[in-house]
Amino acid sequence: MNSQRKWAVIYLIGFSVMIFLNYWSAVNVGIVADENQALIQPAGFAFSIWGLIYILLFIWIIKVFFSETGAVTVKRLHIWPLINFLLNGLWILVFTAGWILLSSAVIILLLVTLIKMYTETSNQDYHWFDRLPFSVYFGWVTAASVVNIFTLLVSYNQEMFLGIPEISWTLLAVLLITVLTVYIGFQFRDWLYPLVIVWTYSGIYIENDNMYPLLDIILILSIAVMIVLVLFEGVKKVKLSKS
């Protein structure tokens, strides 16, 4: 077995551990999150995106094992996918144990691994599916990291932080994520990452249920901006593929 396939098997083992821990504790995650629900937490349906992420990652591993470009992928990413999968499983363990401070640290590390893998797969020519799973995964964990931090504050009954109420911090977070998403969309010519944020914001909007009109307005405007970005990048990719 060559190095490419050895790494694919290692990725699959790490992936299997992650899946086992996620599905073993999935219900408990919802319970802990609902007990410490922040304003920025999206509605329950939004979390179904994890199923899509896992399917895409599994297909990606199979592609690494069999494809001719798998060796290049392994050379670029090396041990990072394994670290990511193990951190993902670790996050489940600490979050469901109620160690929300530790879970915030773990999810930040998880985000760092995704930044590394996303940028590595975007640096040079790549097959479209090499980056696709990480666009979705990276987009969701970007938002999830912010939600986790807000959940931490709620768990400590911090309705005010630095003298600023939670709703103000939520508005600021939504705006900052929007700016970051626009940057990533243009910088990496990615339409999937912003689409994931649109999905997340739709969940926040529905969960908010008109409790905070200003938050509704900011979410709607942000969604509109990102949909324009998605259409722009999508059209541009189609034109490039035909040229």
Protein backbone atom coordinates (compact mmCIF):
# COMPACT_ATOMS: atom_id res chain seq x y z
CA MET A 1 0.00 0.00 0.00
CA ASN A 2 1.49 3.33 -1.04
CA SER A 3 1.68 6.45 1.13
CA GLN A 4 -1.42 7.99 -0.44
CA ARG A 5 -3.61 5.04 0.50
CA LYS A 6 -2.05 4.65 3.93
CA TRP A 7 -3.02 8.22 4.74
CA ALA A 8 -6.50 7.68 3.33
CA VAL A 9 -6.92 4.73 5.71
CA ILE A 10 -5.64 6.85 8.61
CA TYR A 11 -8.15 9.55 7.68
CA LEU A 12 -10.91 6.95 7.57
CA ILE A 13 -10.02 5.68 11.05
CA GLY A 14 -10.09 9.22 12.47
CA PHE A 15 -13.34 9.88 10.62
CA SER A 16 -14.90 6.70 12.07
CA VAL A 17 -13.96 7.76 15.61
CA MET A 18 -15.52 11.18 14.99
CA ILE A 19 -18.74 9.70 13.61
CA PHE A 20 -19.05 7.26 16.51
CA LEU A 21 -18.66 10.02 19.10
CA ASN A 22 -20.99 12.39 17.24
CA TYR A 23 -23.87 9.99 16.84
CA TRP A 24 -23.36 8.52 20.29
CA SER A 25 -23.80 11.94 21.91
CA ALA A 26 -25.86 13.84 19.34
CA VAL A 27 -28.98 14.15 21.52
CA ASN A 28 -26.93 15.34 24.50
CA VAL A 29 -25.45 18.15 22.39
CA GLY A 30 -28.92 19.52 21.76
CA ILE A 31 -29.82 19.30 25.45
CA VAL A 32 -26.71 21.21 26.58
CA ALA A 33 -27.17 23.82 23.84
CA ASP A 34 -30.83 24.40 24.70
CA GLU A 35 -30.01 24.74 28.41
CA ASN A 36 -27.63 27.59 27.58
CA GLN A 37 -29.30 29.01 24.48
CA ALA A 38 -27.79 32.20 23.10
CA LEU A 39 -29.58 34.65 20.81
CA ILE A 40 -27.24 33.71 17.98
CA GLN A 41 -28.06 30.01 18.18
CA PRO A 42 -29.93 28.93 15.02
CA ALA A 43 -33.07 26.81 14.95
CA GLY A 44 -32.67 23.05 15.30
CA PHE A 45 -33.11 22.31 11.59
CA ALA A 46 -29.91 24.20 10.77
CA PHE A 47 -27.81 21.59 12.59
CA SER A 48 -28.86 18.97 10.02
CA ILE A 49 -26.03 20.32 7.90
CA TRP A 50 -23.71 18.07 9.92
CA GLY A 51 -25.16 15.11 8.02
CA LEU A 52 -24.17 16.72 4.72
CA ILE A 53 -20.69 17.54 6.04
CA TYR A 54 -20.09 13.94 7.13
CA ILE A 55 -21.26 12.53 3.80
CA LEU A 56 -19.02 14.92 1.85
CA LEU A 57 -16.01 14.12 4.05
CA PHE A 58 -16.55 10.38 3.62
CA ILE A 59 -16.71 10.74 -0.17
CA TRP A 60 -13.61 12.95 -0.01
CA ILE A 61 -11.67 10.24 1.86
CA ILE A 62 -12.71 7.63 -0.71
CA LYS A 63 -11.56 10.01 -3.45
CA VAL A 64 -8.19 10.44 -1.74
CA PHE A 65 -7.80 6.65 -1.64
CA PHE A 66 -8.61 5.98 -5.29
CA SER A 67 -7.97 9.14 -7.34
CA GLU A 68 -4.79 9.99 -9.19
CA THR A 69 -4.68 13.39 -7.50
CA GLY A 70 -4.94 11.84 -4.03
CA ALA A 71 -1.17 11.90 -3.58
CA VAL A 72 -1.12 15.67 -4.14
CA THR A 73 -3.97 16.11 -1.65
CA VAL A 74 -2.14 14.05 0.98
CA LYS A 75 1.06 16.00 0.42
CA ARG A 76 -0.76 19.29 0.95
CA LEU A 77 -2.83 18.30 3.97
CA HIS A 78 -0.76 15.51 5.53
CA ILE A 79 -1.88 15.00 9.16
CA TRP A 80 -4.34 17.91 9.37
CA PRO A 81 -7.53 15.97 8.48
CA LEU A 82 -6.75 13.42 11.20
CA ILE A 83 -6.22 16.17 13.78
CA ASN A 84 -9.46 17.80 12.66
CA PHE A 85 -11.50 14.60 12.99
CA LEU A 86 -10.13 13.88 16.45
CA LEU A 87 -10.78 17.45 17.61
CA ASN A 88 -14.32 17.18 16.30
CA GLY A 89 -14.88 14.05 18.39
CA LEU A 90 -13.19 15.66 21.41
CA TRP A 91 -15.50 18.66 21.13
CA ILE A 92 -18.51 16.34 21.39
CA LEU A 93 -17.10 14.77 24.57
CA VAL A 94 -16.34 18.02 26.38
CA PHE A 95 -19.47 19.86 25.26
CA THR A 96 -21.85 17.08 26.28
CA ALA A 97 -20.01 16.85 29.61
CA GLY A 98 -21.00 20.48 30.17
CA TRP A 99 -17.40 21.76 30.00
CA ILE A 100 -18.36 24.68 27.80
CA LEU A 101 -15.22 26.71 28.46
CA LEU A 102 -13.05 23.80 27.31
CA SER A 103 -15.39 23.15 24.38
CA SER A 104 -14.87 26.76 23.25
CA ALA A 105 -11.11 26.21 23.20
CA VAL A 106 -11.49 22.93 21.30
CA ILE A 107 -13.79 24.39 18.66
CA ILE A 108 -11.35 27.28 18.09
CA LEU A 109 -8.60 24.70 17.48
CA LEU A 110 -11.00 22.86 15.17
CA LEU A 111 -11.52 26.11 13.27
CA VAL A 112 -7.75 26.61 12.98
CA THR A 113 -7.35 23.17 11.36
CA LEU A 114 -10.11 24.03 8.90
CA ILE A 115 -8.46 27.33 8.01
CA LYS A 116 -5.25 25.42 7.34
CA MET A 117 -6.92 22.76 5.17
CA TYR A 118 -9.11 25.26 3.33
CA THR A 119 -6.22 27.55 2.41
CA GLU A 120 -3.97 24.64 1.44
CA THR A 121 -6.56 23.25 -0.96
CA SER A 122 -7.13 26.74 -2.38
CA ASN A 123 -3.49 27.70 -2.93
CA GLN A 124 -2.96 25.88 -6.22
CA ASP A 125 -4.93 24.20 -8.97
CA TYR A 126 -7.29 21.67 -7.47
CA HIS A 127 -10.16 19.42 -8.47
CA TRP A 128 -13.44 21.09 -7.49
CA PHE A 129 -14.28 18.33 -5.00
CA ASP A 130 -10.93 18.67 -3.19
CA ARG A 131 -12.19 21.84 -1.52
CA LEU A 132 -15.97 21.38 -1.62
CA PRO A 133 -16.33 19.48 1.70
CA PHE A 134 -14.09 21.98 3.46
CA SER A 135 -16.03 24.97 2.13
CA VAL A 136 -19.18 23.62 3.77
CA TYR A 137 -17.39 22.42 6.91
CA PHE A 138 -15.38 25.63 7.33
CA GLY A 139 -18.47 27.82 6.83
CA TRP A 140 -20.47 25.96 9.45
CA VAL A 141 -17.69 25.80 12.05
CA THR A 142 -17.01 29.53 11.59
CA ALA A 143 -20.55 30.24 12.75
CA ALA A 144 -20.55 27.40 15.30
CA SER A 145 -17.42 28.80 16.97
CA VAL A 146 -19.16 32.11 17.58
CA VAL A 147 -22.28 30.34 18.84
CA ASN A 148 -20.12 28.27 21.21
CA ILE A 149 -18.55 31.38 22.70
CA PHE A 150 -21.94 33.01 23.19
CA THR A 151 -23.19 29.78 24.78
CA LEU A 152 -20.27 30.01 27.19
CA LEU A 153 -21.30 33.51 28.25
CA VAL A 154 -24.92 32.44 28.72
CA SER A 155 -23.80 29.46 30.81
CA TYR A 156 -22.18 31.94 33.21
CA ASN A 157 -25.38 34.04 33.23
CA GLN A 158 -23.56 36.90 31.58
CA GLU A 159 -26.42 38.93 30.11
CA MET A 160 -23.95 41.81 29.91
CA PHE A 161 -20.32 41.58 28.83
CA LEU A 162 -18.04 44.63 29.18
CA GLY A 163 -21.19 46.61 29.90
CA ILE A 164 -22.76 45.64 26.54
CA PRO A 165 -25.94 43.50 26.37
CA GLU A 166 -26.10 40.19 24.50
CA ILE A 167 -28.27 41.57 21.68
CA SER A 168 -25.61 44.18 20.85
CA TRP A 169 -22.86 41.56 20.82
CA THR A 170 -25.08 39.37 18.62
CA LEU A 171 -25.59 42.17 16.09
CA LEU A 172 -21.85 42.85 16.04
CA ALA A 173 -21.07 39.15 15.57
CA VAL A 174 -23.52 38.84 12.66
CA LEU A 175 -21.98 41.87 10.95
CA LEU A 176 -18.40 40.64 11.48
CA ILE A 177 -19.21 37.16 10.14
CA THR A 178 -20.85 38.81 7.12
CA VAL A 179 -17.76 40.89 6.39
CA LEU A 180 -15.54 37.82 6.81
CA THR A 181 -17.79 35.82 4.49
CA VAL A 182 -17.68 38.46 1.78
CA TYR A 183 -13.89 38.53 2.05
CA ILE A 184 -13.56 34.73 1.82
CA GLY A 185 -16.06 34.56 -1.03
CA PHE A 186 -14.12 37.04 -3.15
CA GLN A 187 -10.61 36.10 -2.05
CA PHE A 188 -11.06 32.37 -2.69
CA ARG A 189 -13.76 32.64 -5.37
CA ASP A 190 -16.00 30.47 -3.23
CA TRP A 191 -19.79 30.44 -3.47
CA LEU A 192 -20.35 27.52 -1.08
CA TYR A 193 -18.91 29.11 2.06
CA PRO A 194 -21.32 32.09 1.92
CA LEU A 195 -24.20 29.75 1.11
CA VAL A 196 -23.55 27.92 4.39
CA ILE A 197 -23.64 31.23 6.27
CA VAL A 198 -26.95 32.04 4.54
CA TRP A 199 -28.26 28.71 5.85
CA THR A 200 -27.04 29.56 9.36
CA TYR A 201 -28.51 33.06 9.32
CA SER A 202 -31.84 31.67 8.12
CA GLY A 203 -31.83 29.40 11.19
CA ILE A 204 -31.06 32.35 13.48
CA TYR A 205 -33.81 34.41 11.88
CA ILE A 206 -36.41 31.67 12.36
CA GLU A 207 -35.30 30.95 15.93
CA ASN A 208 -35.41 34.68 16.77
CA ASP A 209 -39.13 34.70 15.81
CA ASN A 210 -39.36 38.50 15.53
CA MET A 211 -38.24 39.07 19.13
CA TYR A 212 -35.60 41.58 18.05
CA PRO A 213 -36.63 43.53 14.90
CA LEU A 214 -33.16 45.08 14.44
CA LEU A 215 -31.57 41.62 14.47
CA ASP A 216 -34.12 40.52 11.84
CA ILE A 217 -33.21 43.46 9.64
CA ILE A 218 -29.46 42.86 9.94
CA LEU A 219 -29.91 39.15 9.20
CA ILE A 220 -32.09 39.82 6.13
CA LEU A 221 -29.67 42.42 4.76
CA SER A 222 -26.70 40.11 5.39
CA ILE A 223 -28.47 37.22 3.67
CA ALA A 224 -29.24 39.45 0.69
CA VAL A 225 -25.59 40.53 0.40
CA MET A 226 -24.38 36.93 0.55
CA ILE A 227 -26.92 35.69 -1.99
CA VAL A 228 -25.65 38.35 -4.40
CA LEU A 229 -22.11 37.11 -3.68
CA VAL A 230 -23.16 33.49 -4.30
CA LEU A 231 -24.76 34.42 -7.63
CA PHE A 232 -21.78 36.53 -8.66
CA GLU A 233 -19.23 33.81 -7.93
CA GLY A 234 -21.45 31.13 -9.42
CA VAL A 235 -21.89 33.01 -12.71
CA LYS A 236 -18.17 33.77 -12.82
CA LYS A 237 -17.26 30.11 -12.39
CA VAL A 238 -19.66 29.11 -15.18
CA LYS A 239 -18.12 31.68 -17.52
CA LEU A 240 -14.60 30.50 -16.67
CA SER A 241 -15.55 26.88 -17.29
CA LYS A 242 -16.88 27.78 -20.75
CA SER A 243 -13.90 29.93 -21.75
